[in-house]
N, C-alpha and C. Protein backbone atom coordinates (compact mmCIF):
# COMPACT_ATOMS: atom_id res chain seq x y z
N MET A 1 -2.25 21.47 18.62
CA MET A 1 -2.59 22.05 17.31
C MET A 1 -3.86 22.87 17.43
N ASP A 2 -3.87 24.17 17.00
CA ASP A 2 -5.05 25.01 17.14
C ASP A 2 -6.10 24.63 16.11
N ALA A 3 -7.29 25.24 16.24
CA ALA A 3 -8.42 24.85 15.40
C ALA A 3 -8.16 25.15 13.93
N ILE A 4 -7.50 26.29 13.64
CA ILE A 4 -7.22 26.65 12.25
C ILE A 4 -6.26 25.67 11.62
N ALA A 5 -5.19 25.31 12.36
CA ALA A 5 -4.22 24.34 11.83
C ALA A 5 -4.86 22.99 11.62
N GLN A 6 -5.73 22.58 12.56
CA GLN A 6 -6.40 21.29 12.44
C GLN A 6 -7.32 21.28 11.22
N SER A 7 -8.02 22.39 10.99
CA SER A 7 -8.92 22.48 9.83
C SER A 7 -8.15 22.39 8.53
N THR A 8 -6.98 23.06 8.47
CA THR A 8 -6.15 23.03 7.27
C THR A 8 -5.63 21.62 7.01
N ARG A 9 -5.20 20.95 8.08
CA ARG A 9 -4.66 19.59 7.93
C ARG A 9 -5.73 18.64 7.43
N THR A 10 -6.94 18.75 7.99
CA THR A 10 -8.03 17.88 7.57
C THR A 10 -8.39 18.14 6.11
N ALA A 11 -8.34 19.42 5.70
CA ALA A 11 -8.70 19.77 4.33
C ALA A 11 -7.72 19.18 3.32
N ARG A 12 -6.49 18.87 3.75
CA ARG A 12 -5.49 18.35 2.85
C ARG A 12 -5.43 16.82 2.86
N ALA A 13 -6.40 16.19 3.48
CA ALA A 13 -6.43 14.73 3.51
C ALA A 13 -6.56 14.20 2.08
N VAL A 14 -5.72 13.24 1.74
CA VAL A 14 -5.76 12.65 0.40
C VAL A 14 -6.46 11.29 0.42
N LEU A 15 -6.66 10.75 1.62
CA LEU A 15 -7.37 9.48 1.78
C LEU A 15 -7.97 9.46 3.17
N ALA A 16 -9.24 9.07 3.27
CA ALA A 16 -9.88 9.04 4.58
C ALA A 16 -10.86 7.88 4.66
N ALA A 17 -10.85 7.20 5.78
CA ALA A 17 -11.81 6.14 6.07
C ALA A 17 -12.78 6.65 7.13
N HIS A 18 -14.07 6.44 6.90
CA HIS A 18 -15.09 6.95 7.81
C HIS A 18 -15.95 5.80 8.32
N ALA A 19 -15.76 5.42 9.58
CA ALA A 19 -16.62 4.45 10.27
C ALA A 19 -16.79 3.15 9.48
N ILE A 20 -15.68 2.55 9.11
CA ILE A 20 -15.69 1.33 8.31
C ILE A 20 -15.99 0.11 9.18
N ASP A 21 -17.00 -0.65 8.80
CA ASP A 21 -17.33 -1.93 9.43
C ASP A 21 -17.17 -3.04 8.41
N LYS A 22 -16.66 -4.19 8.87
CA LYS A 22 -16.59 -5.36 8.00
C LYS A 22 -16.62 -6.61 8.85
N ALA A 23 -17.45 -7.58 8.45
CA ALA A 23 -17.54 -8.86 9.13
C ALA A 23 -17.61 -9.96 8.09
N TYR A 24 -17.15 -11.15 8.47
CA TYR A 24 -17.22 -12.31 7.60
C TYR A 24 -18.12 -13.36 8.22
N ARG A 25 -18.78 -14.14 7.37
CA ARG A 25 -19.64 -15.22 7.83
C ARG A 25 -18.88 -16.52 7.71
N ARG A 26 -18.87 -17.27 8.79
CA ARG A 26 -18.12 -18.52 8.85
C ARG A 26 -19.05 -19.69 9.14
N GLY A 27 -18.74 -20.84 8.53
CA GLY A 27 -19.51 -22.04 8.78
C GLY A 27 -20.75 -22.13 7.90
N ALA A 28 -21.46 -23.24 8.02
CA ALA A 28 -22.66 -23.50 7.23
C ALA A 28 -23.89 -23.46 8.13
N TRP A 29 -25.01 -23.07 7.54
CA TRP A 29 -26.27 -23.07 8.28
C TRP A 29 -26.56 -24.48 8.80
N PRO A 30 -27.03 -24.65 10.03
CA PRO A 30 -27.59 -23.64 10.93
C PRO A 30 -26.60 -23.11 11.98
N VAL A 31 -25.32 -23.47 11.86
CA VAL A 31 -24.35 -23.01 12.86
C VAL A 31 -23.49 -21.88 12.32
N ARG A 32 -23.94 -21.27 11.25
CA ARG A 32 -23.19 -20.18 10.66
C ARG A 32 -23.09 -19.02 11.65
N ARG A 33 -21.92 -18.41 11.70
CA ARG A 33 -21.73 -17.30 12.64
C ARG A 33 -21.08 -16.12 11.93
N VAL A 34 -21.28 -14.96 12.49
CA VAL A 34 -20.71 -13.72 11.96
C VAL A 34 -19.48 -13.36 12.79
N VAL A 35 -18.35 -13.17 12.12
CA VAL A 35 -17.11 -12.82 12.79
C VAL A 35 -16.75 -11.38 12.42
N PRO A 36 -16.91 -10.44 13.35
CA PRO A 36 -16.55 -9.05 13.05
C PRO A 36 -15.04 -8.88 12.91
N VAL A 37 -14.62 -8.09 11.92
CA VAL A 37 -13.19 -7.85 11.68
C VAL A 37 -12.85 -6.39 11.91
N LEU A 38 -13.62 -5.51 11.32
CA LEU A 38 -13.42 -4.07 11.48
C LEU A 38 -14.67 -3.45 12.08
N SER A 39 -14.48 -2.55 13.02
CA SER A 39 -15.62 -1.96 13.73
C SER A 39 -15.42 -0.45 13.90
N GLY A 40 -16.02 0.31 13.00
CA GLY A 40 -15.95 1.76 13.10
C GLY A 40 -14.58 2.34 12.86
N VAL A 41 -13.84 1.78 11.91
CA VAL A 41 -12.48 2.27 11.62
C VAL A 41 -12.55 3.63 10.93
N SER A 42 -11.88 4.61 11.53
CA SER A 42 -11.81 5.95 10.96
C SER A 42 -10.40 6.50 11.11
N PHE A 43 -9.85 7.02 10.03
CA PHE A 43 -8.57 7.72 10.07
C PHE A 43 -8.38 8.41 8.74
N SER A 44 -7.40 9.31 8.66
CA SER A 44 -7.12 10.00 7.41
C SER A 44 -5.62 10.05 7.17
N LEU A 45 -5.27 10.21 5.93
CA LEU A 45 -3.88 10.32 5.51
C LEU A 45 -3.72 11.67 4.82
N GLN A 46 -2.73 12.44 5.27
CA GLN A 46 -2.53 13.79 4.76
C GLN A 46 -1.47 13.80 3.65
N ALA A 47 -1.49 14.86 2.86
CA ALA A 47 -0.49 15.03 1.82
C ALA A 47 0.90 15.12 2.43
N GLY A 48 1.85 14.38 1.86
CA GLY A 48 3.23 14.41 2.34
C GLY A 48 3.46 13.70 3.64
N GLU A 49 2.60 12.77 3.99
CA GLU A 49 2.68 12.10 5.29
C GLU A 49 3.01 10.62 5.11
N ILE A 50 3.87 10.11 6.01
CA ILE A 50 4.19 8.68 6.06
C ILE A 50 3.56 8.11 7.31
N VAL A 51 2.62 7.19 7.14
CA VAL A 51 1.87 6.64 8.26
C VAL A 51 2.02 5.13 8.29
N GLY A 52 2.26 4.58 9.46
CA GLY A 52 2.30 3.14 9.66
C GLY A 52 1.05 2.68 10.36
N LEU A 53 0.45 1.62 9.88
CA LEU A 53 -0.72 1.01 10.50
C LEU A 53 -0.33 -0.41 10.90
N VAL A 54 -0.27 -0.65 12.20
CA VAL A 54 0.31 -1.88 12.73
C VAL A 54 -0.76 -2.73 13.41
N GLY A 55 -0.72 -4.02 13.14
CA GLY A 55 -1.66 -4.93 13.79
C GLY A 55 -1.14 -6.35 13.72
N GLU A 56 -1.60 -7.18 14.66
CA GLU A 56 -1.19 -8.58 14.68
C GLU A 56 -1.77 -9.31 13.48
N ASN A 57 -1.22 -10.48 13.18
CA ASN A 57 -1.78 -11.32 12.13
C ASN A 57 -3.23 -11.64 12.48
N GLY A 58 -4.11 -11.48 11.49
CA GLY A 58 -5.52 -11.75 11.71
C GLY A 58 -6.29 -10.57 12.27
N SER A 59 -5.64 -9.42 12.40
CA SER A 59 -6.32 -8.25 12.97
C SER A 59 -7.19 -7.51 11.96
N GLY A 60 -7.08 -7.86 10.69
CA GLY A 60 -7.90 -7.22 9.67
C GLY A 60 -7.15 -6.21 8.83
N LYS A 61 -5.82 -6.21 8.89
CA LYS A 61 -5.02 -5.23 8.15
C LYS A 61 -5.25 -5.34 6.65
N SER A 62 -5.13 -6.54 6.11
CA SER A 62 -5.29 -6.71 4.66
C SER A 62 -6.72 -6.45 4.22
N THR A 63 -7.68 -6.80 5.07
CA THR A 63 -9.08 -6.49 4.77
C THR A 63 -9.27 -4.99 4.65
N LEU A 64 -8.70 -4.24 5.59
CA LEU A 64 -8.80 -2.79 5.55
C LEU A 64 -8.13 -2.23 4.30
N MET A 65 -6.97 -2.74 3.96
CA MET A 65 -6.26 -2.26 2.78
C MET A 65 -7.10 -2.48 1.51
N LYS A 66 -7.71 -3.65 1.40
CA LYS A 66 -8.54 -3.94 0.22
C LYS A 66 -9.73 -3.00 0.15
N ILE A 67 -10.28 -2.64 1.29
CA ILE A 67 -11.39 -1.69 1.32
C ILE A 67 -10.91 -0.30 0.90
N LEU A 68 -9.73 0.09 1.37
CA LEU A 68 -9.20 1.41 1.04
C LEU A 68 -8.98 1.58 -0.46
N VAL A 69 -8.55 0.52 -1.14
CA VAL A 69 -8.27 0.63 -2.58
C VAL A 69 -9.49 0.30 -3.43
N GLY A 70 -10.59 -0.12 -2.80
CA GLY A 70 -11.80 -0.41 -3.54
C GLY A 70 -11.93 -1.82 -4.05
N ALA A 71 -11.05 -2.72 -3.60
CA ALA A 71 -11.12 -4.12 -4.02
C ALA A 71 -12.13 -4.93 -3.21
N LEU A 72 -12.60 -4.37 -2.10
CA LEU A 72 -13.55 -5.04 -1.22
C LEU A 72 -14.51 -3.99 -0.68
N ALA A 73 -15.79 -4.30 -0.65
CA ALA A 73 -16.78 -3.35 -0.16
C ALA A 73 -16.95 -3.49 1.35
N PRO A 74 -17.04 -2.38 2.07
CA PRO A 74 -17.30 -2.45 3.51
C PRO A 74 -18.77 -2.78 3.76
N ASP A 75 -19.09 -3.29 4.94
CA ASP A 75 -20.49 -3.50 5.31
C ASP A 75 -21.15 -2.17 5.67
N ALA A 76 -20.36 -1.24 6.19
CA ALA A 76 -20.86 0.08 6.53
C ALA A 76 -19.69 1.06 6.47
N GLY A 77 -20.00 2.35 6.35
CA GLY A 77 -18.96 3.36 6.27
C GLY A 77 -18.56 3.64 4.83
N GLU A 78 -17.61 4.55 4.66
CA GLU A 78 -17.16 4.91 3.33
C GLU A 78 -15.70 5.32 3.33
N VAL A 79 -15.10 5.26 2.16
CA VAL A 79 -13.72 5.68 1.96
C VAL A 79 -13.73 6.87 1.00
N GLU A 80 -13.02 7.92 1.38
CA GLU A 80 -12.90 9.11 0.56
C GLU A 80 -11.52 9.13 -0.09
N ARG A 81 -11.49 9.12 -1.41
CA ARG A 81 -10.23 9.13 -2.16
C ARG A 81 -10.21 10.38 -3.02
N VAL A 82 -9.20 11.22 -2.82
CA VAL A 82 -9.12 12.46 -3.59
C VAL A 82 -7.81 12.55 -4.35
N ALA A 83 -7.11 11.44 -4.50
CA ALA A 83 -5.83 11.43 -5.21
C ALA A 83 -5.64 10.07 -5.85
N ARG A 84 -4.71 10.00 -6.79
CA ARG A 84 -4.41 8.74 -7.47
C ARG A 84 -3.69 7.81 -6.52
N LEU A 85 -4.15 6.56 -6.46
CA LEU A 85 -3.58 5.56 -5.56
C LEU A 85 -2.67 4.60 -6.30
N GLY A 86 -1.63 4.15 -5.60
CA GLY A 86 -0.80 3.04 -6.04
C GLY A 86 -0.87 1.98 -4.96
N TYR A 87 -1.10 0.75 -5.35
CA TYR A 87 -1.35 -0.33 -4.38
C TYR A 87 -0.35 -1.46 -4.56
N CYS A 88 0.31 -1.82 -3.47
CA CYS A 88 1.24 -2.94 -3.46
C CYS A 88 0.67 -4.00 -2.53
N PRO A 89 0.00 -5.04 -3.06
CA PRO A 89 -0.65 -6.04 -2.22
C PRO A 89 0.36 -6.96 -1.54
N GLN A 90 -0.06 -7.56 -0.45
CA GLN A 90 0.81 -8.49 0.27
C GLN A 90 1.17 -9.69 -0.61
N VAL A 91 0.19 -10.21 -1.33
CA VAL A 91 0.43 -11.31 -2.27
C VAL A 91 0.48 -10.73 -3.68
N PRO A 92 1.64 -10.72 -4.33
CA PRO A 92 1.77 -10.10 -5.65
C PRO A 92 0.80 -10.71 -6.66
N GLN A 93 0.17 -9.84 -7.44
CA GLN A 93 -0.75 -10.28 -8.49
C GLN A 93 0.00 -10.25 -9.82
N LEU A 94 0.83 -11.27 -10.04
CA LEU A 94 1.72 -11.30 -11.19
C LEU A 94 1.46 -12.54 -12.03
N TYR A 95 2.04 -12.53 -13.24
CA TYR A 95 1.86 -13.63 -14.19
C TYR A 95 3.21 -14.33 -14.38
N GLU A 96 3.27 -15.60 -14.01
CA GLU A 96 4.54 -16.32 -13.99
C GLU A 96 5.22 -16.38 -15.35
N ARG A 97 4.48 -16.35 -16.44
CA ARG A 97 5.07 -16.52 -17.76
C ARG A 97 5.47 -15.20 -18.41
N LEU A 98 5.15 -14.07 -17.74
CA LEU A 98 5.54 -12.78 -18.27
C LEU A 98 6.84 -12.30 -17.62
N THR A 99 7.65 -11.57 -18.37
CA THR A 99 8.89 -11.02 -17.84
C THR A 99 8.59 -9.74 -17.04
N CYS A 100 9.62 -9.23 -16.37
CA CYS A 100 9.47 -7.95 -15.66
C CYS A 100 9.09 -6.84 -16.64
N ASP A 101 9.81 -6.76 -17.76
CA ASP A 101 9.49 -5.74 -18.77
C ASP A 101 8.05 -5.85 -19.24
N GLU A 102 7.60 -7.05 -19.49
CA GLU A 102 6.23 -7.25 -19.97
C GLU A 102 5.21 -6.83 -18.92
N HIS A 103 5.52 -7.05 -17.64
CA HIS A 103 4.63 -6.59 -16.58
C HIS A 103 4.53 -5.06 -16.57
N PHE A 104 5.66 -4.39 -16.69
CA PHE A 104 5.64 -2.93 -16.71
C PHE A 104 4.83 -2.42 -17.90
N GLU A 105 5.00 -3.04 -19.06
CA GLU A 105 4.25 -2.64 -20.23
C GLU A 105 2.74 -2.84 -20.02
N LEU A 106 2.39 -3.97 -19.45
CA LEU A 106 0.98 -4.30 -19.20
C LEU A 106 0.36 -3.32 -18.21
N PHE A 107 1.06 -3.08 -17.10
CA PHE A 107 0.52 -2.18 -16.08
C PHE A 107 0.51 -0.73 -16.57
N GLY A 108 1.51 -0.36 -17.39
CA GLY A 108 1.52 0.98 -17.95
C GLY A 108 0.30 1.23 -18.82
N HIS A 109 -0.06 0.22 -19.60
CA HIS A 109 -1.26 0.33 -20.44
C HIS A 109 -2.50 0.45 -19.56
N ALA A 110 -2.56 -0.34 -18.48
CA ALA A 110 -3.71 -0.29 -17.58
C ALA A 110 -3.82 1.06 -16.89
N TYR A 111 -2.68 1.66 -16.55
CA TYR A 111 -2.68 2.98 -15.91
C TYR A 111 -3.00 4.10 -16.89
N GLY A 112 -2.89 3.82 -18.19
CA GLY A 112 -3.17 4.83 -19.19
C GLY A 112 -2.03 5.80 -19.42
N ILE A 113 -0.78 5.37 -19.16
CA ILE A 113 0.37 6.23 -19.42
C ILE A 113 0.98 5.85 -20.77
N ASP A 114 1.58 6.83 -21.45
CA ASP A 114 2.09 6.55 -22.79
C ASP A 114 3.37 5.71 -22.71
N ALA A 115 3.74 5.12 -23.85
CA ALA A 115 4.83 4.15 -23.88
C ALA A 115 6.15 4.76 -23.46
N ARG A 116 6.44 5.97 -23.89
CA ARG A 116 7.71 6.60 -23.52
C ARG A 116 7.79 6.88 -22.02
N GLN A 117 6.70 7.39 -21.46
CA GLN A 117 6.66 7.65 -20.02
C GLN A 117 6.85 6.36 -19.23
N GLU A 118 6.21 5.30 -19.72
CA GLU A 118 6.33 4.00 -19.05
C GLU A 118 7.77 3.50 -19.08
N ARG A 119 8.44 3.62 -20.24
CA ARG A 119 9.82 3.14 -20.35
C ARG A 119 10.76 3.95 -19.46
N ASP A 120 10.56 5.26 -19.40
CA ASP A 120 11.40 6.10 -18.54
C ASP A 120 11.20 5.75 -17.07
N ALA A 121 9.94 5.58 -16.68
CA ALA A 121 9.64 5.22 -15.29
C ALA A 121 10.20 3.85 -14.95
N ARG A 122 10.09 2.92 -15.89
CA ARG A 122 10.60 1.57 -15.68
C ARG A 122 12.10 1.57 -15.45
N ARG A 123 12.83 2.30 -16.28
CA ARG A 123 14.29 2.37 -16.12
C ARG A 123 14.67 2.97 -14.76
N ALA A 124 13.97 4.01 -14.35
CA ALA A 124 14.26 4.65 -13.07
C ALA A 124 13.98 3.69 -11.91
N LEU A 125 12.94 2.90 -12.02
CA LEU A 125 12.60 1.95 -10.95
C LEU A 125 13.59 0.79 -10.90
N TYR A 126 14.01 0.32 -12.06
CA TYR A 126 15.04 -0.72 -12.08
C TYR A 126 16.29 -0.23 -11.34
N GLU A 127 16.66 1.03 -11.61
CA GLU A 127 17.86 1.58 -10.98
C GLU A 127 17.65 1.79 -9.48
N SER A 128 16.52 2.35 -9.11
CA SER A 128 16.26 2.66 -7.70
C SER A 128 16.18 1.41 -6.85
N LEU A 129 15.58 0.34 -7.40
CA LEU A 129 15.39 -0.88 -6.62
C LEU A 129 16.45 -1.94 -6.91
N GLY A 130 17.28 -1.71 -7.92
CA GLY A 130 18.41 -2.58 -8.18
C GLY A 130 18.07 -3.95 -8.73
N PHE A 131 17.16 -4.01 -9.75
CA PHE A 131 16.89 -5.33 -10.34
C PHE A 131 16.78 -5.27 -11.86
N GLY A 132 17.48 -4.30 -12.46
CA GLY A 132 17.44 -4.15 -13.91
C GLY A 132 17.94 -5.36 -14.67
N ARG A 133 18.85 -6.14 -14.07
CA ARG A 133 19.38 -7.30 -14.78
C ARG A 133 18.33 -8.40 -14.99
N TYR A 134 17.21 -8.26 -14.32
CA TYR A 134 16.14 -9.26 -14.47
C TYR A 134 15.02 -8.77 -15.39
N ALA A 135 15.27 -7.71 -16.13
CA ALA A 135 14.23 -7.11 -16.97
C ALA A 135 13.59 -8.12 -17.91
N GLY A 136 14.40 -9.01 -18.49
CA GLY A 136 13.88 -9.98 -19.45
C GLY A 136 13.60 -11.34 -18.87
N THR A 137 13.58 -11.45 -17.54
CA THR A 137 13.36 -12.74 -16.87
C THR A 137 11.89 -12.92 -16.52
N ARG A 138 11.39 -14.13 -16.78
CA ARG A 138 10.01 -14.43 -16.42
C ARG A 138 9.85 -14.48 -14.90
N VAL A 139 8.67 -14.07 -14.43
CA VAL A 139 8.40 -14.02 -12.99
C VAL A 139 8.57 -15.40 -12.34
N GLY A 140 8.20 -16.45 -13.05
CA GLY A 140 8.31 -17.80 -12.49
C GLY A 140 9.74 -18.21 -12.20
N GLN A 141 10.72 -17.48 -12.74
CA GLN A 141 12.13 -17.79 -12.53
C GLN A 141 12.81 -16.83 -11.54
N LEU A 142 12.06 -15.89 -10.99
CA LEU A 142 12.63 -14.91 -10.08
C LEU A 142 12.64 -15.40 -8.65
N SER A 143 13.57 -14.88 -7.85
CA SER A 143 13.58 -15.15 -6.42
C SER A 143 12.45 -14.36 -5.76
N GLY A 144 12.13 -14.74 -4.52
CA GLY A 144 11.09 -14.03 -3.78
C GLY A 144 11.41 -12.56 -3.59
N GLY A 145 12.70 -12.26 -3.36
CA GLY A 145 13.10 -10.87 -3.17
C GLY A 145 12.91 -10.03 -4.42
N THR A 146 13.22 -10.59 -5.59
CA THR A 146 13.05 -9.85 -6.83
C THR A 146 11.57 -9.69 -7.17
N VAL A 147 10.77 -10.69 -6.86
CA VAL A 147 9.32 -10.56 -7.03
C VAL A 147 8.79 -9.40 -6.18
N ALA A 148 9.30 -9.28 -4.95
CA ALA A 148 8.87 -8.19 -4.07
C ALA A 148 9.25 -6.83 -4.67
N LYS A 149 10.43 -6.75 -5.30
CA LYS A 149 10.84 -5.50 -5.95
C LYS A 149 9.92 -5.17 -7.12
N LEU A 150 9.61 -6.17 -7.93
CA LEU A 150 8.71 -5.94 -9.06
C LEU A 150 7.33 -5.51 -8.56
N ASN A 151 6.84 -6.15 -7.53
CA ASN A 151 5.54 -5.81 -6.96
C ASN A 151 5.50 -4.34 -6.53
N LEU A 152 6.55 -3.89 -5.87
CA LEU A 152 6.64 -2.49 -5.45
C LEU A 152 6.79 -1.57 -6.66
N GLY A 153 7.63 -1.97 -7.62
CA GLY A 153 7.85 -1.15 -8.80
C GLY A 153 6.57 -0.91 -9.59
N LEU A 154 5.73 -1.92 -9.69
CA LEU A 154 4.47 -1.77 -10.43
C LEU A 154 3.54 -0.79 -9.72
N ALA A 155 3.56 -0.79 -8.39
CA ALA A 155 2.73 0.16 -7.63
C ALA A 155 3.21 1.59 -7.83
N LEU A 156 4.51 1.75 -8.09
CA LEU A 156 5.11 3.08 -8.24
C LEU A 156 5.11 3.58 -9.68
N LEU A 157 4.79 2.71 -10.62
CA LEU A 157 4.99 3.01 -12.03
C LEU A 157 4.32 4.31 -12.48
N ALA A 158 3.10 4.55 -12.06
CA ALA A 158 2.35 5.73 -12.49
C ALA A 158 2.57 6.93 -11.57
N ASP A 159 3.56 6.85 -10.69
CA ASP A 159 3.89 7.95 -9.77
C ASP A 159 2.66 8.42 -9.00
N PRO A 160 2.05 7.53 -8.22
CA PRO A 160 0.80 7.88 -7.54
C PRO A 160 1.00 8.92 -6.44
N ASP A 161 -0.07 9.66 -6.15
CA ASP A 161 -0.02 10.63 -5.05
C ASP A 161 -0.02 9.92 -3.70
N VAL A 162 -0.69 8.78 -3.64
CA VAL A 162 -0.80 8.00 -2.40
C VAL A 162 -0.36 6.57 -2.70
N LEU A 163 0.60 6.08 -1.94
CA LEU A 163 1.10 4.72 -2.10
C LEU A 163 0.66 3.89 -0.91
N LEU A 164 -0.05 2.81 -1.18
CA LEU A 164 -0.57 1.93 -0.14
C LEU A 164 0.18 0.60 -0.21
N LEU A 165 0.85 0.25 0.89
CA LEU A 165 1.73 -0.90 0.91
C LEU A 165 1.29 -1.88 1.99
N ASP A 166 1.02 -3.11 1.59
CA ASP A 166 0.58 -4.15 2.51
C ASP A 166 1.74 -5.10 2.76
N GLU A 167 2.32 -5.05 3.96
CA GLU A 167 3.48 -5.88 4.35
C GLU A 167 4.59 -5.78 3.30
N PRO A 168 5.11 -4.59 3.04
CA PRO A 168 6.08 -4.43 1.94
C PRO A 168 7.45 -5.01 2.22
N TYR A 169 7.80 -5.26 3.49
CA TYR A 169 9.16 -5.70 3.81
C TYR A 169 9.43 -7.17 3.48
N ALA A 170 8.39 -7.94 3.28
CA ALA A 170 8.57 -9.38 3.06
C ALA A 170 9.47 -9.62 1.85
N GLY A 171 10.53 -10.37 2.05
CA GLY A 171 11.44 -10.71 0.96
C GLY A 171 12.54 -9.70 0.73
N PHE A 172 12.55 -8.57 1.45
CA PHE A 172 13.60 -7.57 1.27
C PHE A 172 14.87 -7.96 2.01
N ASP A 173 16.00 -7.84 1.33
CA ASP A 173 17.28 -7.92 2.04
C ASP A 173 17.61 -6.52 2.55
N TRP A 174 18.75 -6.37 3.25
CA TRP A 174 19.06 -5.10 3.88
C TRP A 174 19.24 -3.98 2.86
N ASP A 175 19.90 -4.29 1.74
CA ASP A 175 20.11 -3.28 0.70
C ASP A 175 18.77 -2.79 0.14
N THR A 176 17.86 -3.72 -0.13
CA THR A 176 16.56 -3.35 -0.66
C THR A 176 15.76 -2.56 0.36
N TYR A 177 15.88 -2.94 1.63
CA TYR A 177 15.20 -2.22 2.71
C TYR A 177 15.63 -0.76 2.73
N LEU A 178 16.93 -0.50 2.58
CA LEU A 178 17.42 0.88 2.56
C LEU A 178 16.97 1.61 1.30
N ARG A 179 17.01 0.92 0.16
CA ARG A 179 16.53 1.52 -1.08
C ARG A 179 15.04 1.91 -0.96
N PHE A 180 14.29 1.02 -0.32
CA PHE A 180 12.86 1.27 -0.11
C PHE A 180 12.65 2.57 0.66
N TRP A 181 13.37 2.75 1.76
CA TRP A 181 13.18 3.95 2.56
C TRP A 181 13.69 5.20 1.86
N ASN A 182 14.67 5.06 0.99
CA ASN A 182 15.09 6.21 0.19
C ASN A 182 13.96 6.65 -0.75
N LEU A 183 13.28 5.68 -1.34
CA LEU A 183 12.15 6.00 -2.21
C LEU A 183 11.03 6.68 -1.42
N VAL A 184 10.75 6.15 -0.23
CA VAL A 184 9.70 6.73 0.60
C VAL A 184 10.04 8.17 0.97
N ALA A 185 11.30 8.41 1.34
CA ALA A 185 11.72 9.77 1.71
C ALA A 185 11.59 10.72 0.52
N GLU A 186 11.93 10.24 -0.68
CA GLU A 186 11.79 11.07 -1.87
C GLU A 186 10.33 11.44 -2.13
N ARG A 187 9.44 10.50 -1.90
CA ARG A 187 8.02 10.76 -2.12
C ARG A 187 7.50 11.77 -1.11
N ARG A 188 7.89 11.63 0.12
CA ARG A 188 7.48 12.59 1.15
C ARG A 188 7.94 14.00 0.77
N ALA A 189 9.18 14.11 0.27
CA ALA A 189 9.75 15.42 -0.05
C ALA A 189 8.98 16.12 -1.18
N THR A 190 8.30 15.36 -2.02
CA THR A 190 7.53 15.95 -3.12
C THR A 190 6.04 16.06 -2.79
N GLY A 191 5.68 15.85 -1.52
CA GLY A 191 4.30 16.02 -1.09
C GLY A 191 3.42 14.80 -1.29
N ARG A 192 4.02 13.66 -1.66
CA ARG A 192 3.24 12.44 -1.82
C ARG A 192 3.16 11.70 -0.49
N SER A 193 2.19 10.82 -0.38
CA SER A 193 1.91 10.15 0.89
C SER A 193 2.09 8.65 0.77
N VAL A 194 2.42 8.01 1.90
CA VAL A 194 2.61 6.57 1.94
C VAL A 194 1.95 6.01 3.19
N LEU A 195 1.14 4.98 3.00
CA LEU A 195 0.55 4.24 4.12
C LEU A 195 1.11 2.83 4.10
N ILE A 196 1.78 2.44 5.17
CA ILE A 196 2.40 1.13 5.27
C ILE A 196 1.66 0.32 6.33
N ILE A 197 1.09 -0.79 5.90
CA ILE A 197 0.41 -1.70 6.82
C ILE A 197 1.33 -2.89 7.07
N SER A 198 1.58 -3.19 8.34
CA SER A 198 2.51 -4.26 8.68
C SER A 198 2.21 -4.80 10.06
N HIS A 199 2.75 -5.98 10.36
CA HIS A 199 2.57 -6.53 11.71
C HIS A 199 3.67 -6.07 12.65
N PHE A 200 4.66 -5.31 12.12
CA PHE A 200 5.68 -4.74 12.98
C PHE A 200 6.26 -3.49 12.34
N VAL A 201 6.80 -2.61 13.16
CA VAL A 201 7.50 -1.41 12.70
C VAL A 201 8.85 -1.38 13.39
N ALA A 202 9.92 -1.43 12.58
CA ALA A 202 11.27 -1.49 13.16
C ALA A 202 11.86 -0.09 13.39
N ASP A 203 11.58 0.84 12.49
CA ASP A 203 12.19 2.17 12.55
C ASP A 203 11.09 3.22 12.69
N GLU A 204 10.61 3.41 13.92
CA GLU A 204 9.48 4.30 14.14
C GLU A 204 9.79 5.74 13.76
N GLU A 205 11.07 6.13 13.84
CA GLU A 205 11.42 7.52 13.54
C GLU A 205 11.24 7.87 12.06
N ARG A 206 11.08 6.87 11.23
CA ARG A 206 10.87 7.14 9.80
C ARG A 206 9.43 7.55 9.49
N PHE A 207 8.53 7.36 10.44
CA PHE A 207 7.12 7.63 10.23
C PHE A 207 6.71 8.97 10.85
N ASP A 208 5.72 9.60 10.25
CA ASP A 208 5.11 10.78 10.87
C ASP A 208 4.14 10.38 11.97
N ARG A 209 3.43 9.29 11.73
CA ARG A 209 2.49 8.77 12.72
C ARG A 209 2.45 7.26 12.62
N ILE A 210 2.14 6.62 13.73
CA ILE A 210 1.89 5.18 13.74
C ILE A 210 0.55 4.94 14.42
N LEU A 211 -0.28 4.15 13.75
CA LEU A 211 -1.59 3.79 14.26
C LEU A 211 -1.62 2.29 14.54
N ASP A 212 -2.37 1.89 15.53
CA ASP A 212 -2.53 0.47 15.85
C ASP A 212 -3.94 0.02 15.52
N LEU A 213 -4.04 -1.15 14.92
CA LEU A 213 -5.33 -1.77 14.64
C LEU A 213 -5.56 -2.84 15.70
N ARG A 214 -6.47 -2.54 16.64
CA ARG A 214 -6.74 -3.44 17.75
C ARG A 214 -8.24 -3.58 17.95
N ASP A 215 -8.68 -4.83 18.11
CA ASP A 215 -10.11 -5.09 18.37
C ASP A 215 -11.00 -4.43 17.32
N GLY A 216 -10.52 -4.43 16.08
CA GLY A 216 -11.32 -3.93 14.99
C GLY A 216 -11.33 -2.42 14.83
N ARG A 217 -10.55 -1.72 15.65
CA ARG A 217 -10.52 -0.26 15.61
C ARG A 217 -9.10 0.26 15.41
N VAL A 218 -8.99 1.45 14.85
CA VAL A 218 -7.69 2.12 14.69
C VAL A 218 -7.52 3.13 15.81
N VAL A 219 -6.39 3.02 16.53
CA VAL A 219 -6.10 3.94 17.62
C VAL A 219 -4.69 4.48 17.47
N PRO A 220 -4.46 5.74 17.79
CA PRO A 220 -3.10 6.31 17.69
C PRO A 220 -2.19 5.70 18.72
N ARG A 221 -0.93 5.54 18.36
CA ARG A 221 0.06 4.98 19.30
C ARG A 221 0.59 6.12 20.18
């Protein structure tokens, strides 16, 4: 890639991490120790790009994701966000006594979208992910797979420019897995970006790039 093309690509970055450090303190004084998790993590996500970030369990993937969305502060470095983010956490942040419909209404209000837009988006997501029959079912009565669909649907509700997914495959059956990739392909086609953090990547050809998180650093595969 020549210098002009590289400059253009960098200018279109919708999310960038710059020299991110993060460590946790373990144990009680006087044997307390510092355990480094992330060390100088830097990478960027471009418009219309699908990127996989792969690391073993305990490598700091979820810590990095929380820093990217602003839920956790880094010890050093910064995150540059120039687009609206949608976040699908590994552990769904849902309310067992609320129905799927009530979750969409609640999140729509939090996103600041009007009621009609929220209802239209909700219907489209029910159809795309195939769980409309559970619209009036409380979360506490849903299967793990349907909870995973709702978790993803809530991240997509406001049609974000950048979708950040932490271990999104958990609980997906084969049909849902294919529906998921159809949604990802549709987002790429409209110039939106997706970052998928996982401990494995099964279909590498679906990604534009795959990065590995090793020894606290991000390296291209």
